Protein backbone atom coordinates (compact mmCIF):
# COMPACT_ATOMS: atom_id res chain seq x y z
CA MET A 1 0.00 0.00 0.00
CA ALA A 2 1.26 3.46 -0.89
CA GLU A 3 2.72 5.59 1.92
CA VAL A 4 2.22 9.35 2.20
CA ILE A 5 5.31 11.45 2.98
CA ARG A 6 4.43 14.60 4.93
CA MET A 7 6.34 17.76 5.80
CA PRO A 8 7.99 16.91 9.16
CA LYS A 9 8.31 19.33 12.06
CA MET A 10 12.09 19.79 12.12
CA SER A 11 12.31 22.36 14.92
CA ASP A 12 10.24 23.46 17.88
CA THR A 13 9.26 26.73 16.14
CA MET A 14 8.72 25.38 12.62
CA THR A 15 5.24 25.90 11.15
CA GLU A 16 6.05 25.40 7.47
CA GLY A 17 8.94 24.32 5.28
CA VAL A 18 10.26 25.15 1.81
CA ILE A 19 11.52 22.48 -0.56
CA ALA A 20 14.97 23.84 -1.39
CA GLU A 21 15.93 20.94 -3.69
CA TRP A 22 14.56 17.56 -4.76
CA HIS A 23 17.18 14.80 -4.94
CA LYS A 24 14.71 12.28 -6.39
CA LYS A 25 12.15 12.55 -9.14
CA GLU A 26 8.88 10.78 -9.86
CA GLY A 27 9.49 7.22 -10.98
CA ASP A 28 12.78 6.79 -9.09
CA LYS A 29 13.32 3.72 -6.94
CA VAL A 30 13.96 4.66 -3.30
CA LYS A 31 14.99 2.80 -0.19
CA PRO A 32 15.31 3.64 3.53
CA GLY A 33 18.14 6.07 4.18
CA ASP A 34 17.88 7.84 0.81
CA ILE A 35 17.71 11.64 0.93
CA LEU A 36 14.54 12.71 -0.86
CA ALA A 37 14.94 16.49 -0.61
CA ASP A 38 16.52 19.45 1.17
CA VAL A 39 14.03 21.35 3.33
CA GLU A 40 14.55 24.98 4.36
CA THR A 41 13.20 25.48 7.86
CA ASP A 42 13.05 28.62 9.97
CA LYS A 43 16.63 28.07 11.16
CA ALA A 44 18.52 25.83 8.73
CA THR A 45 18.37 23.75 5.57
CA MET A 46 17.98 20.11 6.54
CA GLU A 47 17.87 16.78 4.69
CA LEU A 48 14.57 14.91 4.36
CA GLU A 49 15.39 11.24 4.87
CA ASN A 50 13.28 8.44 3.41
CA PHE A 51 12.10 5.49 5.54
CA GLU A 52 10.15 3.51 2.92
CA SER A 53 11.06 1.12 0.08
CA GLY A 54 9.39 1.44 -3.30
CA THR A 55 8.92 3.90 -6.13
CA LEU A 56 8.46 7.64 -5.80
CA LEU A 57 5.00 7.82 -7.38
CA TYR A 58 4.08 11.42 -6.70
CA ILE A 59 5.71 14.75 -5.82
CA GLY A 60 3.16 17.28 -4.61
CA VAL A 61 5.41 20.26 -3.92
CA LYS A 62 7.64 22.02 -6.42
CA LYS A 63 11.11 23.29 -5.65
CA GLY A 64 10.88 26.64 -3.86
CA GLU A 65 7.31 26.13 -2.64
CA ALA A 66 6.35 26.41 1.04
CA VAL A 67 3.96 23.96 2.70
CA PRO A 68 2.72 23.72 6.29
CA VAL A 69 3.95 21.07 8.67
CA ASN A 70 2.17 17.72 8.15
CA ALA A 71 1.07 18.60 4.59
CA ILE A 72 1.56 15.91 1.92
CA ILE A 73 4.70 16.37 -0.15
CA ALA A 74 5.17 12.97 -1.79
CA ILE A 75 3.84 9.41 -2.09
CA ILE A 76 5.87 6.19 -2.23
CA GLY A 77 4.43 2.85 -3.28
CA LYS A 78 4.59 0.00 -5.78
CA GLU A 79 5.34 0.86 -9.38
CA GLY A 80 2.11 1.35 -11.32
CA GLU A 81 -0.03 1.60 -8.17
CA ASP A 82 -3.14 3.76 -8.53
CA ILE A 83 -2.86 6.67 -6.09
CA LYS A 84 -5.57 8.99 -7.48
CA ALA A 85 -7.96 8.19 -4.65
CA LEU A 86 -5.22 8.81 -2.07
CA ILE A 87 -4.34 12.18 -3.57
CA ALA A 88 -8.02 13.13 -3.76
CA SER A 89 -8.60 12.21 -0.11
CA GLU A 90 -5.58 14.27 0.95
CA SER A 91 -6.70 17.34 -1.00
CA ALA A 92 -10.36 17.09 0.13
CA PRO A 93 -9.95 19.46 3.12
CA ASP A 94 -8.43 22.10 0.87
CA GLU A 95 -11.27 21.71 -1.62
CA ALA A 96 -13.78 22.12 1.18
CA LYS A 97 -12.14 25.39 2.15
CA THR A 98 -12.21 26.51 -1.47
CA GLU A 99 -15.93 25.71 -1.75
CA ALA A 100 -16.64 27.61 1.46
CA LYS A 101 -14.87 30.63 0.04
CA ALA A 102 -16.78 30.25 -3.22
CA GLU A 103 -20.10 30.22 -1.34
CA ALA A 104 -19.14 33.38 0.51
CA ALA A 105 -18.10 35.11 -2.69
CA PRO A 106 -21.62 35.59 -4.21
CA ALA A 107 -22.64 37.56 -1.14
CA LYS A 108 -19.94 40.04 -1.92
CA GLU A 109 -20.78 40.01 -5.61
CA ALA A 110 -24.45 40.66 -4.82
CA ALA A 111 -23.59 43.95 -3.22
CA PRO A 112 -24.50 46.73 -5.63
CA ALA A 113 -21.57 48.26 -7.37
CA PRO A 114 -20.95 51.83 -6.31
CA ALA A 115 -22.61 54.27 -8.63
CA ALA A 116 -20.30 55.94 -11.08
CA LYS A 117 -19.20 59.30 -9.85
CA ALA A 118 -21.15 62.05 -11.50
CA GLU A 119 -19.09 64.15 -13.78
CA ALA A 120 -17.92 67.12 -11.84
CA ALA A 121 -19.75 70.29 -12.72
CA PRO A 122 -17.56 73.03 -14.03
CA VAL A 123 -16.24 75.21 -11.24
CA ALA A 124 -17.02 78.84 -11.58
CA ALA A 125 -13.95 80.90 -12.28
CA PRO A 126 -12.84 82.91 -9.25
CA ALA A 127 -13.07 86.63 -9.32
CA ALA A 128 -10.44 88.27 -11.43
CA ALA A 129 -7.34 89.10 -9.43
CA PRO A 130 -5.61 92.45 -9.89
CA ALA A 131 -2.45 92.54 -11.91
CA PRO A 132 0.62 91.80 -9.79
CA VAL A 133 2.23 94.87 -8.28
CA GLY A 134 5.53 95.74 -9.85
CA ALA A 135 4.80 94.04 -13.20
CA SER A 136 7.07 95.23 -16.00
CA SER A 137 5.82 97.47 -18.79
CA ASP A 138 6.34 94.57 -21.25
CA ASP A 139 3.97 92.43 -19.18
CA ASP A 140 1.47 95.28 -19.07
CA ARG A 141 1.42 95.42 -22.89
CA LEU A 142 0.71 91.68 -23.09
CA LYS A 143 -2.93 90.91 -23.63
CA ALA A 144 -3.85 88.55 -20.82
CA SER A 145 -6.80 88.15 -18.50
CA PRO A 146 -6.22 88.89 -14.81
CA LEU A 147 -6.87 85.21 -14.00
CA ALA A 148 -4.28 84.13 -16.58
CA ARG A 149 -1.75 86.54 -15.09
CA LYS A 150 -2.40 85.16 -11.59
CA ILE A 151 -1.99 81.54 -12.73
CA ALA A 152 1.18 82.40 -14.63
CA GLU A 153 2.64 84.10 -11.56
CA ASP A 154 1.81 81.14 -9.30
CA LYS A 155 3.30 78.61 -11.74
CA GLY A 156 6.29 80.70 -12.76
CA ILE A 157 5.29 80.75 -16.44
CA ASP A 158 6.55 83.51 -18.73
CA LEU A 159 3.45 84.86 -20.53
CA ARG A 160 5.63 85.93 -23.44
CA ALA A 161 6.13 82.26 -24.30
CA LEU A 162 2.39 81.78 -24.92
CA SER A 163 0.13 82.63 -27.83
CA GLY A 164 -3.30 83.85 -26.83
CA SER A 165 -6.47 82.20 -28.10
CA GLY A 166 -8.84 84.85 -26.78
CA ASP A 167 -10.24 87.91 -28.55
CA GLY A 168 -7.48 89.82 -30.28
CA GLY A 169 -4.81 87.28 -29.19
CA ARG A 170 -5.62 87.71 -25.50
CA ILE A 171 -4.08 85.04 -23.23
CA VAL A 172 -6.76 83.31 -21.19
CA LYS A 173 -6.90 80.49 -18.64
CA ARG A 174 -7.22 77.71 -21.22
CA ASP A 175 -3.93 78.79 -22.81
CA LEU A 176 -2.16 78.17 -19.50
CA ASP A 177 -4.02 74.89 -19.00
CA ASN A 178 -2.76 73.70 -22.39
CA TYR A 179 0.77 74.96 -21.86
CA THR A 180 3.51 72.35 -21.41
CA PRO A 181 7.04 73.07 -20.11
CA ALA A 182 8.48 71.37 -23.19
CA ALA A 183 7.61 74.49 -25.11
CA ALA A 184 9.68 76.62 -22.77
CA SER A 185 13.32 77.37 -23.30
CA ALA A 186 15.80 74.72 -22.12
CA PRO A 187 17.10 75.12 -18.51
CA SER A 188 20.66 76.18 -17.92
CA PHE A 189 21.54 72.74 -16.45
CA ALA A 190 21.13 69.27 -17.86
CA PRO A 191 18.27 67.34 -16.24
CA VAL A 192 19.23 64.23 -14.28
CA MET A 193 17.86 61.25 -16.17
CA GLY A 194 17.22 58.00 -14.38
CA GLN A 195 14.73 55.27 -13.64
CA GLU A 196 13.45 54.26 -10.24
CA LYS A 197 14.27 50.62 -9.57
CA TYR A 198 13.75 48.12 -6.79
CA THR A 199 14.07 44.42 -6.16
CA GLU A 200 11.62 42.26 -4.22
CA VAL A 201 12.53 38.86 -2.80
CA ALA A 202 10.38 36.29 -1.05
CA VAL A 203 10.68 36.26 2.74
CA SER A 204 12.70 33.23 3.86
CA GLN A 205 11.44 30.84 6.53
CA MET A 206 14.20 32.10 8.83
CA ARG A 207 13.25 35.75 8.38
CA LYS A 208 9.55 34.95 8.96
CA THR A 209 10.40 33.27 12.25
CA ILE A 210 12.73 36.07 13.34
CA ALA A 211 10.00 38.63 12.63
CA ARG A 212 7.32 36.65 14.46
CA ARG A 213 9.33 35.66 17.54
CA LEU A 214 10.99 39.03 18.12
CA ALA A 215 7.72 40.92 17.58
CA GLU A 216 6.06 38.65 20.15
CA SER A 217 8.97 39.24 22.55
CA LYS A 218 9.11 43.00 22.11
CA PHE A 219 5.36 43.57 22.45
CA SER A 220 4.61 41.00 25.17
CA ALA A 221 7.67 41.27 27.43
CA PRO A 222 8.10 44.69 29.13
CA HIS A 223 11.76 45.41 28.35
CA PHE A 224 14.01 47.62 30.43
CA TYR A 225 17.73 48.23 29.91
CA LEU A 226 20.80 48.47 32.14
CA THR A 227 24.20 49.60 30.80
CA ILE A 228 27.58 49.27 32.50
CA ASP A 229 31.09 50.33 31.48
CA ILE A 230 33.92 47.83 32.05
CA ASP A 231 37.69 48.30 32.32
CA MET A 232 39.13 45.75 29.87
CA ASP A 233 42.86 46.35 30.46
CA LYS A 234 43.40 43.18 32.53
CA ALA A 235 41.11 41.13 30.26
CA MET A 236 43.23 42.09 27.26
CA ALA A 237 46.44 41.16 29.05
CA ALA A 238 44.94 37.88 30.28
CA ARG A 239 43.76 36.94 26.78
CA THR A 240 47.27 37.39 25.41
CA GLN A 241 48.68 35.10 28.09
CA ILE A 242 45.91 32.51 27.71
CA ASN A 243 46.42 32.28 23.94
CA GLU A 244 50.09 31.49 24.46
CA VAL A 245 49.17 28.17 26.08
CA ALA A 246 45.53 27.45 25.11
CA SER A 247 44.68 24.62 22.69
CA ALA A 248 42.28 26.97 20.84
CA LYS A 249 42.54 30.69 20.28
CA VAL A 250 40.31 32.48 22.78
CA SER A 251 38.41 35.61 21.71
CA PHE A 252 37.02 38.40 23.86
CA ASN A 253 33.55 37.05 23.10
CA ASP A 254 34.58 33.68 24.57
CA MET A 255 35.63 35.50 27.74
CA VAL A 256 32.28 37.31 27.79
CA ILE A 257 30.46 33.96 27.51
CA LYS A 258 32.46 32.47 30.38
CA ALA A 259 32.03 35.53 32.61
CA SER A 260 28.29 35.60 31.88
CA ALA A 261 27.93 31.91 32.71
CA LEU A 262 29.70 32.29 36.06
CA ALA A 263 27.64 35.40 36.91
CA LEU A 264 24.41 33.56 36.02
CA ARG A 265 25.33 30.76 38.40
CA LYS A 266 25.47 33.37 41.18
CA HIS A 267 22.30 35.22 40.05
CA PRO A 268 19.64 32.63 39.11
CA LYS A 269 16.92 35.27 38.66
CA ILE A 270 18.67 36.37 35.46
CA ASN A 271 18.89 32.74 34.30
CA SER A 272 15.11 32.30 34.26
CA SER A 273 12.02 32.17 32.04
CA TRP A 274 8.50 33.59 32.23
CA LEU A 275 5.98 30.78 31.73
CA GLY A 276 2.75 32.69 32.25
CA ASP A 277 1.50 31.16 35.49
CA LYS A 278 4.96 30.39 36.87
CA ILE A 279 8.63 31.41 36.62
CA ARG A 280 11.29 28.82 35.83
CA PHE A 281 14.66 29.32 37.51
CA ASN A 282 17.14 27.26 35.51
CA GLU A 283 19.85 25.52 37.51
CA HIS A 284 21.85 24.82 34.34
CA VAL A 285 23.51 27.59 32.31
CA ASN A 286 23.08 27.38 28.54
CA ILE A 287 24.35 30.48 26.69
CA GLY A 288 22.84 31.33 23.31
CA VAL A 289 25.37 33.08 21.04
CA ALA A 290 23.76 35.23 18.33
CA MET A 291 25.42 34.76 14.93
CA ALA A 292 24.68 36.76 11.79
CA VAL A 293 24.17 34.79 8.58
CA GLU A 294 23.08 35.94 5.14
CA GLU A 295 19.39 35.16 5.72
CA GLY A 296 19.20 36.61 9.23
CA LEU A 297 20.25 35.45 12.68
CA LEU A 298 20.95 32.08 14.30
CA VAL A 299 21.52 31.42 18.01
CA PRO A 300 23.43 28.18 18.69
CA VAL A 301 23.78 27.26 22.35
CA VAL A 302 26.90 26.61 24.44
CA ARG A 303 25.53 24.17 27.01
CA PHE A 304 26.67 24.10 30.64
CA ALA A 305 29.01 26.99 29.83
CA ASP A 306 29.74 27.68 33.50
CA GLY A 307 31.59 24.37 33.79
CA LYS A 308 33.63 24.57 30.57
CA PRO A 309 37.16 26.02 30.22
CA LEU A 310 37.69 28.96 27.89
CA SER A 311 39.44 26.83 25.25
CA GLN A 312 36.45 24.47 25.01
CA ILE A 313 34.02 27.37 24.72
CA ALA A 314 36.20 28.87 21.97
CA THR A 315 36.24 25.57 20.05
CA GLU A 316 32.46 25.10 20.26
CA VAL A 317 31.74 28.65 19.13
CA LYS A 318 34.03 28.26 16.10
CA VAL A 319 32.31 24.98 15.13
CA PHE A 320 28.89 26.62 15.49
CA ALA A 321 29.98 29.56 13.35
CA GLY A 322 31.07 27.23 10.53
CA LYS A 323 27.88 25.19 10.69
CA ALA A 324 25.73 28.35 10.78
CA LYS A 325 27.42 29.74 7.68
CA GLU A 326 26.84 26.47 5.82
CA LYS A 327 23.25 26.19 7.18
CA LYS A 328 24.06 22.86 8.79
CA LEU A 329 23.00 23.59 12.36
CA GLN A 330 20.71 20.93 13.83
CA PRO A 331 17.82 21.49 16.28
CA SER A 332 20.00 20.18 19.11
CA ASP A 333 22.46 23.03 18.37
CA TRP A 334 19.99 25.88 18.89
CA GLU A 335 17.48 24.63 21.46
CA GLY A 336 17.60 25.04 25.24
CA ASN A 337 19.13 28.51 25.75
CA THR A 338 18.63 30.12 29.17
CA PHE A 339 20.48 33.41 28.41
CA THR A 340 21.64 35.04 25.17
CA ILE A 341 24.60 37.21 24.16
CA SER A 342 24.64 39.47 21.09
CA ASN A 343 28.03 40.98 20.26
CA LEU A 344 28.45 43.71 17.62
CA GLY A 345 31.83 44.88 18.84
CA MET A 346 33.60 43.41 15.81
CA PHE A 347 31.59 45.88 13.67
CA GLY A 348 32.73 48.88 15.69
CA ILE A 349 29.37 49.33 17.46
CA GLU A 350 30.12 50.76 20.90
CA GLU A 351 26.67 50.45 22.48
CA PHE A 352 23.24 49.06 21.52
CA THR A 353 20.18 47.32 22.93
CA ALA A 354 18.91 43.89 21.94
CA ILE A 355 15.45 42.27 21.96
CA ILE A 356 15.06 39.38 24.40
CA ASN A 357 15.32 35.94 22.79
CA PRO A 358 12.46 33.77 24.17
CA PRO A 359 12.26 31.87 26.44
CA ASP A 360 15.09 33.80 28.13
CA ALA A 361 14.38 36.56 30.64
CA CYS A 362 17.45 38.56 29.56
CA ILE A 363 19.81 39.21 26.66
CA MET A 364 23.13 41.05 26.86
CA ALA A 365 24.33 43.37 24.08
CA VAL A 366 28.13 43.69 23.92
CA GLY A 367 29.87 46.66 22.31
CA ALA A 368 33.36 47.24 20.98
CA ILE A 369 36.43 47.73 23.17
CA ARG A 370 37.40 51.36 22.76
CA GLN A 371 40.54 53.25 23.75
CA GLU A 372 40.02 56.45 25.69
CA PRO A 373 41.68 58.50 28.45
CA VAL A 374 40.74 57.35 31.97
CA VAL A 375 41.66 58.49 35.44
CA LYS A 376 43.65 55.98 37.50
CA ASN A 377 45.34 56.81 40.79
CA GLY A 378 44.69 60.50 40.19
CA GLN A 379 46.34 60.50 36.75
CA VAL A 380 44.91 60.53 33.24
CA VAL A 381 46.17 57.47 31.39
CA PRO A 382 45.14 55.49 28.28
CA GLY A 383 42.47 52.88 28.99
CA ASN A 384 40.42 50.21 27.25
CA ARG A 385 36.70 50.27 27.99
CA MET A 386 33.73 48.18 26.90
CA LYS A 387 30.01 48.83 27.38
CA VAL A 388 27.42 46.11 27.76
CA THR A 389 23.65 46.58 27.97
CA LEU A 390 21.37 44.04 29.64
CA SER A 391 17.81 43.87 28.28
CA CYS A 392 15.52 42.48 31.00
CA ASP A 393 11.96 41.13 31.06
CA HIS A 394 10.40 43.13 33.90
CA ARG A 395 7.88 40.36 34.55
CA VAL A 396 10.77 38.27 35.87
CA VAL A 397 13.74 40.53 36.60
CA ASP A 398 13.79 43.71 38.66
CA GLY A 399 16.27 46.55 38.27
CA ALA A 400 18.27 45.65 41.36
CA SER A 401 18.62 42.00 40.28
CA GLY A 402 19.89 43.04 36.86
CA ALA A 403 22.32 45.54 38.38
CA GLU A 404 23.74 42.94 40.77
CA PHE A 405 24.32 40.53 37.88
CA LEU A 406 26.17 43.21 35.90
CA GLN A 407 28.33 44.05 38.89
CA THR A 408 29.42 40.40 39.17
CA PHE A 409 29.99 40.20 35.40
CA LYS A 410 32.09 43.39 35.53
CA GLN A 411 34.23 42.05 38.39
CA LEU A 412 34.97 38.83 36.51
CA LEU A 413 36.20 40.66 33.39
CA GLU A 414 38.15 43.25 35.38
CA GLU A 415 39.81 40.45 37.39
CA PRO A 416 39.95 37.58 34.82
CA VAL A 417 41.89 35.30 37.16
CA ARG A 418 38.57 34.69 38.92
CA MET A 419 37.30 32.91 35.81
CA LEU A 420 40.23 30.50 35.91
CA ALA A 421 39.91 29.61 39.59
């Protein structure tokens, strides 16, 4: 008996998928383990694996088309098997919806069409305006009605460029109405010629999900923001020393992840989630690391980051970055975050705010390390400073709780040896 292949739910937030590529065509023999197609989800492009033996009898979705989760995309069965009834039964719900729409349509059509607008009656000409004060004697000798003179003045038209159609060559309103600038003398500068252009592209599954989830977060979670300035001199020196002996090159972002994880362990209110009728305080620390890709943003998760050395965090982040760029992240890579970090320092952004990434209660925006004069021991000396801004869900986190977390985070980066203890 023929088996229906449906669009699987490949992530916790997936509602529909796009067939990016078919690797099989109708009539091909298939077996378990074959890859039927590549499916673009809201976070990655993933392979659709086959679990049936037989012939691919039917493909119901073209390349590039989006279908909802659980919708039919293909049928596999015995060669020559009649599947018309199966296809008809699968499409019946859609047909029912179509018929319902068709029944509703006549009601709209029955509504009387709006009457054609009556032709506007001619507007009476306004009272003749007096000739403009200060008009030249040449203009005075021109035969033109006062209304024509007024229109010409308002539009900046030289009456001498017109021929009158009134009595005795008098210029009247209709002469100005029929006048086109092409008849005027050429301007002293060449007009800029061009054509307005634009490009429209279909919204990707990833961008749809980003728009939906962040809009829900921004408009449902009452955000407030806390910013702190951090002395990075010792962190910079520590990074240089660490990279001399570490198995993987450690970045400042890796140090931020580690410091955040240790601070979250001390401040569980920040490492929490709003669940409507209850608040979840996570005892594990999973840090989501926002990564920009061509289609939008992905947030792979460094799990149990508080217990991992800096070199291991650095290695995991590099692996995630490569997989994100190649769209090979799996659901296990991006699920389970309890706190998120967004770093734009590498782009020279010194300070910004970020939208909370559900289900987290907070997200931290990290700016660039900047050099500036600072006062130390009563003297002005060069210093390296970095600003971070914590976005908090006020349903879960209060201002004092957020401030205490940032104080701990600041202490860890200003005294990096604490992270290695």
